[in-house]
Amino acid sequence: MSQATITDLSGVWYCQHWYPSKDDTGEDTTTNRMTAHRKGRDLVLESEPNAEGSYMLIRLSIDDNLATGTWHETASPHGDFDGTMYSGAGQLVMSDDNQRMEGQWAGHGYDHTLKKQRIYTGRWELSRTEPGN
């Protein structure tokens, strides 16, 4: 990916990720409005405050149309996960127009049925447009 294309990734993004509900019976989703900053070939996205009070930080390395990196999230202090901090890794594939990334995340969580920690995976999307628009 050219330096000019990487520069074009700065600005507002919307991060949407799907994860198991607290009782593992279904799937929930969280959307964060993020501000992205470029540093070399790396892209750092930091969430703005959302209605639930959750916070997310993403660090990605861009290689052609592949974004690989880590994420850190503090869940809503008012939601099912009581402000728990989570972290993990993920990969996303960039769309041809650089307006969307789709991929998967992986990270730890607590399985309430098995009563132990495990590694979860889920869908992950970053988009220049707000979901539903």
N, C-alpha and C. Protein backbone atom coordinates (compact mmCIF):
# COMPACT_ATOMS: atom_id res chain seq x y z
N MET A 1 0.86 -1.16 0.00
CA MET A 1 0.00 0.00 0.00
C MET A 1 0.90 1.23 0.00
N SER A 2 0.62 2.19 -0.80
CA SER A 2 1.45 3.39 -0.90
C SER A 2 1.27 4.25 0.34
N GLN A 3 2.25 5.11 0.62
CA GLN A 3 2.16 6.03 1.75
C GLN A 3 0.94 6.94 1.62
N ALA A 4 0.60 7.36 0.40
CA ALA A 4 -0.57 8.23 0.19
C ALA A 4 -1.84 7.51 0.61
N THR A 5 -1.96 6.24 0.28
CA THR A 5 -3.15 5.48 0.64
C THR A 5 -3.26 5.33 2.15
N ILE A 6 -2.11 5.07 2.81
CA ILE A 6 -2.12 4.95 4.26
C ILE A 6 -2.59 6.25 4.89
N THR A 7 -2.12 7.39 4.39
CA THR A 7 -2.52 8.69 4.91
C THR A 7 -4.04 8.86 4.81
N ASP A 8 -4.62 8.38 3.74
CA ASP A 8 -6.06 8.49 3.54
C ASP A 8 -6.88 7.75 4.60
N LEU A 9 -6.25 6.90 5.41
CA LEU A 9 -6.98 6.13 6.42
C LEU A 9 -7.22 6.93 7.70
N SER A 10 -6.58 8.07 7.85
CA SER A 10 -6.81 8.90 9.04
C SER A 10 -8.21 9.47 9.03
N GLY A 11 -8.73 9.78 10.21
CA GLY A 11 -10.05 10.37 10.31
C GLY A 11 -11.02 9.50 11.08
N VAL A 12 -12.31 9.66 10.82
CA VAL A 12 -13.37 8.97 11.56
C VAL A 12 -13.66 7.61 10.94
N TRP A 13 -13.74 6.59 11.79
CA TRP A 13 -14.15 5.23 11.42
C TRP A 13 -15.18 4.76 12.44
N TYR A 14 -15.98 3.79 12.06
CA TYR A 14 -16.91 3.14 12.98
C TYR A 14 -16.49 1.69 13.11
N CYS A 15 -16.29 1.27 14.35
CA CYS A 15 -15.88 -0.11 14.64
C CYS A 15 -17.09 -0.86 15.17
N GLN A 16 -17.39 -1.97 14.54
CA GLN A 16 -18.49 -2.82 14.98
C GLN A 16 -17.92 -4.23 15.16
N HIS A 17 -18.18 -4.81 16.34
CA HIS A 17 -17.74 -6.19 16.56
C HIS A 17 -18.83 -6.97 17.27
N TRP A 18 -18.88 -8.24 16.94
CA TRP A 18 -19.88 -9.15 17.47
C TRP A 18 -19.19 -10.07 18.46
N TYR A 19 -19.88 -10.38 19.57
CA TYR A 19 -19.29 -11.20 20.63
C TYR A 19 -20.41 -11.97 21.33
N PRO A 20 -20.05 -13.08 22.03
CA PRO A 20 -21.08 -13.86 22.72
C PRO A 20 -21.71 -13.06 23.85
N SER A 21 -23.02 -13.23 24.03
CA SER A 21 -23.70 -12.60 25.16
C SER A 21 -23.14 -13.17 26.47
N LYS A 22 -23.39 -12.50 27.57
CA LYS A 22 -22.81 -12.91 28.85
C LYS A 22 -23.17 -14.35 29.20
N ASP A 23 -24.37 -14.79 28.84
CA ASP A 23 -24.75 -16.17 29.16
C ASP A 23 -24.45 -17.14 28.02
N ASP A 24 -23.73 -16.67 27.00
CA ASP A 24 -23.32 -17.49 25.85
C ASP A 24 -24.47 -18.08 25.06
N THR A 25 -25.69 -17.52 25.19
CA THR A 25 -26.83 -18.06 24.46
C THR A 25 -27.07 -17.35 23.14
N GLY A 26 -26.41 -16.24 22.94
CA GLY A 26 -26.61 -15.48 21.71
C GLY A 26 -25.41 -14.62 21.40
N GLU A 27 -25.65 -13.64 20.54
CA GLU A 27 -24.57 -12.77 20.10
C GLU A 27 -25.00 -11.32 20.28
N ASP A 28 -24.11 -10.51 20.81
CA ASP A 28 -24.34 -9.08 20.96
C ASP A 28 -23.38 -8.34 20.05
N THR A 29 -23.61 -7.06 19.87
CA THR A 29 -22.71 -6.24 19.06
C THR A 29 -22.50 -4.90 19.75
N THR A 30 -21.32 -4.35 19.56
CA THR A 30 -21.00 -3.01 20.04
C THR A 30 -20.47 -2.20 18.87
N THR A 31 -20.87 -0.93 18.82
CA THR A 31 -20.37 -0.02 17.80
C THR A 31 -19.68 1.15 18.49
N ASN A 32 -18.48 1.45 18.06
CA ASN A 32 -17.74 2.60 18.57
C ASN A 32 -17.37 3.52 17.43
N ARG A 33 -17.54 4.82 17.64
CA ARG A 33 -17.03 5.82 16.70
C ARG A 33 -15.57 6.03 17.08
N MET A 34 -14.67 5.88 16.10
CA MET A 34 -13.23 5.89 16.34
C MET A 34 -12.58 7.04 15.57
N THR A 35 -11.49 7.54 16.12
CA THR A 35 -10.64 8.49 15.41
C THR A 35 -9.33 7.78 15.11
N ALA A 36 -8.95 7.76 13.82
CA ALA A 36 -7.76 7.04 13.38
C ALA A 36 -6.62 8.02 13.10
N HIS A 37 -5.42 7.60 13.48
CA HIS A 37 -4.20 8.37 13.24
C HIS A 37 -3.17 7.45 12.63
N ARG A 38 -2.47 7.94 11.63
CA ARG A 38 -1.43 7.16 10.98
C ARG A 38 -0.08 7.48 11.60
N LYS A 39 0.74 6.45 11.79
CA LYS A 39 2.14 6.62 12.19
C LYS A 39 2.94 5.61 11.38
N GLY A 40 3.60 6.08 10.32
CA GLY A 40 4.31 5.17 9.43
C GLY A 40 3.32 4.25 8.75
N ARG A 41 3.57 2.95 8.83
CA ARG A 41 2.67 1.96 8.25
C ARG A 41 1.60 1.51 9.25
N ASP A 42 1.63 2.09 10.45
CA ASP A 42 0.68 1.70 11.50
C ASP A 42 -0.50 2.66 11.55
N LEU A 43 -1.62 2.12 11.95
CA LEU A 43 -2.84 2.89 12.11
C LEU A 43 -3.34 2.66 13.53
N VAL A 44 -3.56 3.74 14.28
CA VAL A 44 -4.06 3.65 15.65
C VAL A 44 -5.45 4.28 15.66
N LEU A 45 -6.42 3.53 16.19
CA LEU A 45 -7.79 4.01 16.28
C LEU A 45 -8.18 4.05 17.75
N GLU A 46 -8.74 5.18 18.18
CA GLU A 46 -9.18 5.36 19.56
C GLU A 46 -10.64 5.75 19.56
N SER A 47 -11.41 5.09 20.42
CA SER A 47 -12.84 5.37 20.43
C SER A 47 -13.15 6.71 21.09
N GLU A 48 -14.26 7.26 20.65
CA GLU A 48 -14.86 8.41 21.32
C GLU A 48 -15.87 7.86 22.32
N PRO A 49 -16.24 8.61 23.35
CA PRO A 49 -17.21 8.08 24.30
C PRO A 49 -18.52 7.68 23.59
N ASN A 50 -19.05 6.50 23.94
CA ASN A 50 -20.34 6.11 23.37
C ASN A 50 -21.39 6.06 24.47
N ALA A 51 -22.63 5.78 24.09
CA ALA A 51 -23.76 5.82 25.03
C ALA A 51 -23.59 4.84 26.18
N GLU A 52 -22.91 3.70 25.95
CA GLU A 52 -22.75 2.69 26.99
C GLU A 52 -21.55 2.96 27.89
N GLY A 53 -20.66 3.88 27.49
CA GLY A 53 -19.48 4.17 28.30
C GLY A 53 -18.33 3.22 28.06
N SER A 54 -18.36 2.44 26.98
CA SER A 54 -17.23 1.55 26.68
C SER A 54 -16.14 2.33 25.97
N TYR A 55 -14.94 1.78 25.99
CA TYR A 55 -13.78 2.41 25.38
C TYR A 55 -12.97 1.36 24.63
N MET A 56 -12.44 1.73 23.45
CA MET A 56 -11.67 0.77 22.66
C MET A 56 -10.46 1.46 22.04
N LEU A 57 -9.34 0.73 21.98
CA LEU A 57 -8.12 1.17 21.33
C LEU A 57 -7.65 0.05 20.41
N ILE A 58 -7.37 0.40 19.15
CA ILE A 58 -6.94 -0.59 18.16
C ILE A 58 -5.63 -0.12 17.55
N ARG A 59 -4.68 -1.03 17.40
CA ARG A 59 -3.41 -0.75 16.71
C ARG A 59 -3.27 -1.75 15.58
N LEU A 60 -3.15 -1.24 14.36
CA LEU A 60 -3.07 -2.09 13.17
C LEU A 60 -1.82 -1.76 12.36
N SER A 61 -1.20 -2.78 11.78
CA SER A 61 -0.16 -2.61 10.77
C SER A 61 -0.80 -2.90 9.42
N ILE A 62 -0.59 -2.00 8.47
CA ILE A 62 -1.20 -2.13 7.15
C ILE A 62 -0.16 -2.68 6.18
N ASP A 63 -0.50 -3.77 5.51
CA ASP A 63 0.36 -4.38 4.50
C ASP A 63 -0.51 -4.67 3.28
N ASP A 64 -0.39 -3.84 2.25
CA ASP A 64 -1.28 -3.89 1.09
C ASP A 64 -2.71 -3.76 1.57
N ASN A 65 -3.55 -4.79 1.35
CA ASN A 65 -4.95 -4.67 1.78
C ASN A 65 -5.25 -5.44 3.06
N LEU A 66 -4.20 -5.84 3.80
CA LEU A 66 -4.37 -6.61 5.03
C LEU A 66 -3.98 -5.76 6.23
N ALA A 67 -4.87 -5.70 7.22
CA ALA A 67 -4.61 -4.99 8.47
C ALA A 67 -4.52 -6.03 9.59
N THR A 68 -3.40 -6.03 10.31
CA THR A 68 -3.17 -7.00 11.37
C THR A 68 -2.80 -6.25 12.64
N GLY A 69 -3.39 -6.64 13.77
CA GLY A 69 -3.03 -5.93 14.98
C GLY A 69 -3.70 -6.41 16.24
N THR A 70 -3.73 -5.50 17.21
CA THR A 70 -4.27 -5.80 18.53
C THR A 70 -5.39 -4.82 18.87
N TRP A 71 -6.22 -5.22 19.82
CA TRP A 71 -7.29 -4.36 20.31
C TRP A 71 -7.37 -4.48 21.83
N HIS A 72 -7.82 -3.42 22.46
CA HIS A 72 -8.05 -3.38 23.91
C HIS A 72 -9.39 -2.70 24.12
N GLU A 73 -10.22 -3.29 24.95
CA GLU A 73 -11.55 -2.73 25.19
C GLU A 73 -11.87 -2.75 26.67
N THR A 74 -12.45 -1.67 27.15
CA THR A 74 -13.04 -1.64 28.47
C THR A 74 -14.55 -1.62 28.24
N ALA A 75 -15.21 -2.69 28.67
CA ALA A 75 -16.65 -2.82 28.45
C ALA A 75 -17.41 -1.76 29.25
N SER A 76 -18.64 -1.54 28.86
CA SER A 76 -19.48 -0.56 29.54
C SER A 76 -19.57 -0.86 31.04
N PRO A 77 -19.36 0.14 31.88
CA PRO A 77 -19.51 -0.09 33.32
C PRO A 77 -20.97 -0.32 33.72
N HIS A 78 -21.90 -0.03 32.81
CA HIS A 78 -23.33 -0.17 33.10
C HIS A 78 -23.95 -1.40 32.45
N GLY A 79 -23.15 -2.18 31.70
CA GLY A 79 -23.69 -3.32 30.95
C GLY A 79 -23.43 -4.65 31.63
N ASP A 80 -23.70 -5.71 30.89
CA ASP A 80 -23.56 -7.08 31.41
C ASP A 80 -22.14 -7.43 31.83
N PHE A 81 -21.13 -6.75 31.26
CA PHE A 81 -19.74 -7.13 31.52
C PHE A 81 -19.07 -6.23 32.56
N ASP A 82 -19.82 -5.31 33.18
CA ASP A 82 -19.40 -4.53 34.35
C ASP A 82 -18.03 -3.86 34.22
N GLY A 83 -17.73 -3.28 33.06
CA GLY A 83 -16.49 -2.55 32.90
C GLY A 83 -15.24 -3.41 32.79
N THR A 84 -15.41 -4.69 32.52
CA THR A 84 -14.27 -5.59 32.39
C THR A 84 -13.38 -5.17 31.23
N MET A 85 -12.06 -5.33 31.39
CA MET A 85 -11.12 -5.02 30.33
C MET A 85 -10.79 -6.30 29.55
N TYR A 86 -10.84 -6.19 28.23
CA TYR A 86 -10.54 -7.31 27.34
C TYR A 86 -9.46 -6.88 26.36
N SER A 87 -8.75 -7.85 25.81
CA SER A 87 -7.77 -7.56 24.77
C SER A 87 -7.62 -8.77 23.87
N GLY A 88 -7.07 -8.54 22.69
CA GLY A 88 -6.88 -9.64 21.77
C GLY A 88 -6.19 -9.18 20.50
N ALA A 89 -6.34 -10.00 19.48
CA ALA A 89 -5.70 -9.74 18.19
C ALA A 89 -6.73 -9.93 17.09
N GLY A 90 -6.38 -9.48 15.89
CA GLY A 90 -7.29 -9.66 14.78
C GLY A 90 -6.66 -9.32 13.46
N GLN A 91 -7.36 -9.71 12.41
CA GLN A 91 -6.97 -9.38 11.04
C GLN A 91 -8.20 -8.95 10.28
N LEU A 92 -8.00 -7.95 9.42
CA LEU A 92 -9.08 -7.44 8.59
C LEU A 92 -8.56 -7.25 7.17
N VAL A 93 -9.45 -7.45 6.20
CA VAL A 93 -9.13 -7.22 4.80
C VAL A 93 -9.77 -5.90 4.39
N MET A 94 -8.96 -5.04 3.77
CA MET A 94 -9.39 -3.71 3.34
C MET A 94 -10.14 -3.81 2.01
N SER A 95 -11.22 -3.05 1.89
CA SER A 95 -11.94 -2.98 0.61
C SER A 95 -11.09 -2.23 -0.41
N ASP A 96 -11.41 -2.41 -1.68
CA ASP A 96 -10.65 -1.76 -2.76
C ASP A 96 -10.65 -0.25 -2.66
N ASP A 97 -11.74 0.34 -2.13
CA ASP A 97 -11.82 1.80 -2.03
C ASP A 97 -11.31 2.35 -0.69
N ASN A 98 -10.75 1.47 0.16
CA ASN A 98 -10.20 1.85 1.47
C ASN A 98 -11.23 2.47 2.41
N GLN A 99 -12.51 2.14 2.23
CA GLN A 99 -13.58 2.70 3.06
C GLN A 99 -14.13 1.70 4.07
N ARG A 100 -13.64 0.46 4.01
CA ARG A 100 -14.20 -0.60 4.86
C ARG A 100 -13.15 -1.69 5.08
N MET A 101 -13.15 -2.28 6.28
CA MET A 101 -12.32 -3.44 6.59
C MET A 101 -13.21 -4.49 7.23
N GLU A 102 -13.03 -5.73 6.84
CA GLU A 102 -13.81 -6.83 7.42
C GLU A 102 -12.87 -7.94 7.82
N GLY A 103 -13.14 -8.55 8.98
CA GLY A 103 -12.29 -9.64 9.42
C GLY A 103 -12.79 -10.31 10.67
N GLN A 104 -11.84 -10.80 11.45
CA GLN A 104 -12.13 -11.56 12.66
C GLN A 104 -11.24 -11.06 13.80
N TRP A 105 -11.77 -11.13 15.01
CA TRP A 105 -10.99 -10.86 16.21
C TRP A 105 -10.90 -12.15 17.01
N ALA A 106 -9.93 -12.22 17.91
CA ALA A 106 -9.79 -13.32 18.87
C ALA A 106 -9.40 -12.70 20.20
N GLY A 107 -9.94 -13.24 21.28
CA GLY A 107 -9.61 -12.73 22.60
C GLY A 107 -10.22 -13.59 23.69
N HIS A 108 -9.76 -13.39 24.91
CA HIS A 108 -10.23 -14.21 26.03
C HIS A 108 -11.58 -13.73 26.55
N GLY A 109 -12.25 -14.62 27.21
CA GLY A 109 -13.50 -14.32 27.88
C GLY A 109 -13.82 -15.44 28.85
N TYR A 110 -14.88 -15.28 29.61
CA TYR A 110 -15.27 -16.28 30.59
C TYR A 110 -16.50 -17.03 30.08
N ASP A 111 -16.39 -18.34 29.99
CA ASP A 111 -17.49 -19.20 29.57
C ASP A 111 -18.30 -19.54 30.82
N HIS A 112 -19.51 -18.98 30.94
CA HIS A 112 -20.32 -19.17 32.13
C HIS A 112 -20.90 -20.58 32.23
N THR A 113 -21.05 -21.25 31.10
CA THR A 113 -21.55 -22.62 31.12
C THR A 113 -20.47 -23.57 31.63
N LEU A 114 -19.25 -23.44 31.10
CA LEU A 114 -18.13 -24.30 31.52
C LEU A 114 -17.43 -23.79 32.77
N LYS A 115 -17.75 -22.57 33.17
CA LYS A 115 -17.15 -21.92 34.34
C LYS A 115 -15.63 -21.87 34.27
N LYS A 116 -15.14 -21.41 33.10
CA LYS A 116 -13.70 -21.24 32.93
C LYS A 116 -13.42 -20.26 31.79
N GLN A 117 -12.20 -19.75 31.75
CA GLN A 117 -11.82 -18.85 30.67
C GLN A 117 -11.60 -19.64 29.39
N ARG A 118 -11.85 -18.98 28.27
CA ARG A 118 -11.59 -19.58 26.97
C ARG A 118 -11.31 -18.48 25.96
N ILE A 119 -10.85 -18.86 24.78
CA ILE A 119 -10.61 -17.92 23.71
C ILE A 119 -11.83 -17.89 22.80
N TYR A 120 -12.36 -16.69 22.59
CA TYR A 120 -13.50 -16.49 21.71
C TYR A 120 -13.01 -15.86 20.40
N THR A 121 -13.81 -15.99 19.36
CA THR A 121 -13.56 -15.30 18.09
C THR A 121 -14.88 -14.70 17.62
N GLY A 122 -14.78 -13.72 16.74
CA GLY A 122 -16.00 -13.12 16.23
C GLY A 122 -15.74 -12.23 15.04
N ARG A 123 -16.83 -11.78 14.43
CA ARG A 123 -16.76 -10.87 13.29
C ARG A 123 -16.34 -9.49 13.75
N TRP A 124 -15.67 -8.77 12.83
CA TRP A 124 -15.15 -7.45 13.16
C TRP A 124 -15.17 -6.62 11.90
N GLU A 125 -15.74 -5.43 11.97
CA GLU A 125 -15.80 -4.53 10.81
C GLU A 125 -15.42 -3.11 11.21
N LEU A 126 -14.66 -2.48 10.35
CA LEU A 126 -14.37 -1.05 10.46
C LEU A 126 -14.87 -0.40 9.20
N SER A 127 -15.59 0.72 9.32
CA SER A 127 -16.17 1.35 8.16
C SER A 127 -16.13 2.87 8.31
N ARG A 128 -16.01 3.57 7.18
CA ARG A 128 -16.06 5.03 7.19
C ARG A 128 -17.48 5.55 7.42
N THR A 129 -18.49 4.69 7.20
CA THR A 129 -19.89 5.11 7.39
C THR A 129 -20.47 4.39 8.60
N GLU A 130 -21.33 5.08 9.29
CA GLU A 130 -21.95 4.51 10.48
C GLU A 130 -22.83 3.32 10.10
N PRO A 131 -22.76 2.20 10.85
CA PRO A 131 -23.61 1.05 10.53
C PRO A 131 -25.08 1.44 10.47
N GLY A 132 -25.76 0.91 9.49
CA GLY A 132 -27.18 1.22 9.30
C GLY A 132 -27.42 2.40 8.37
N ASN A 133 -26.35 3.07 7.96
CA ASN A 133 -26.49 4.22 7.04
C ASN A 133 -26.03 3.86 5.65
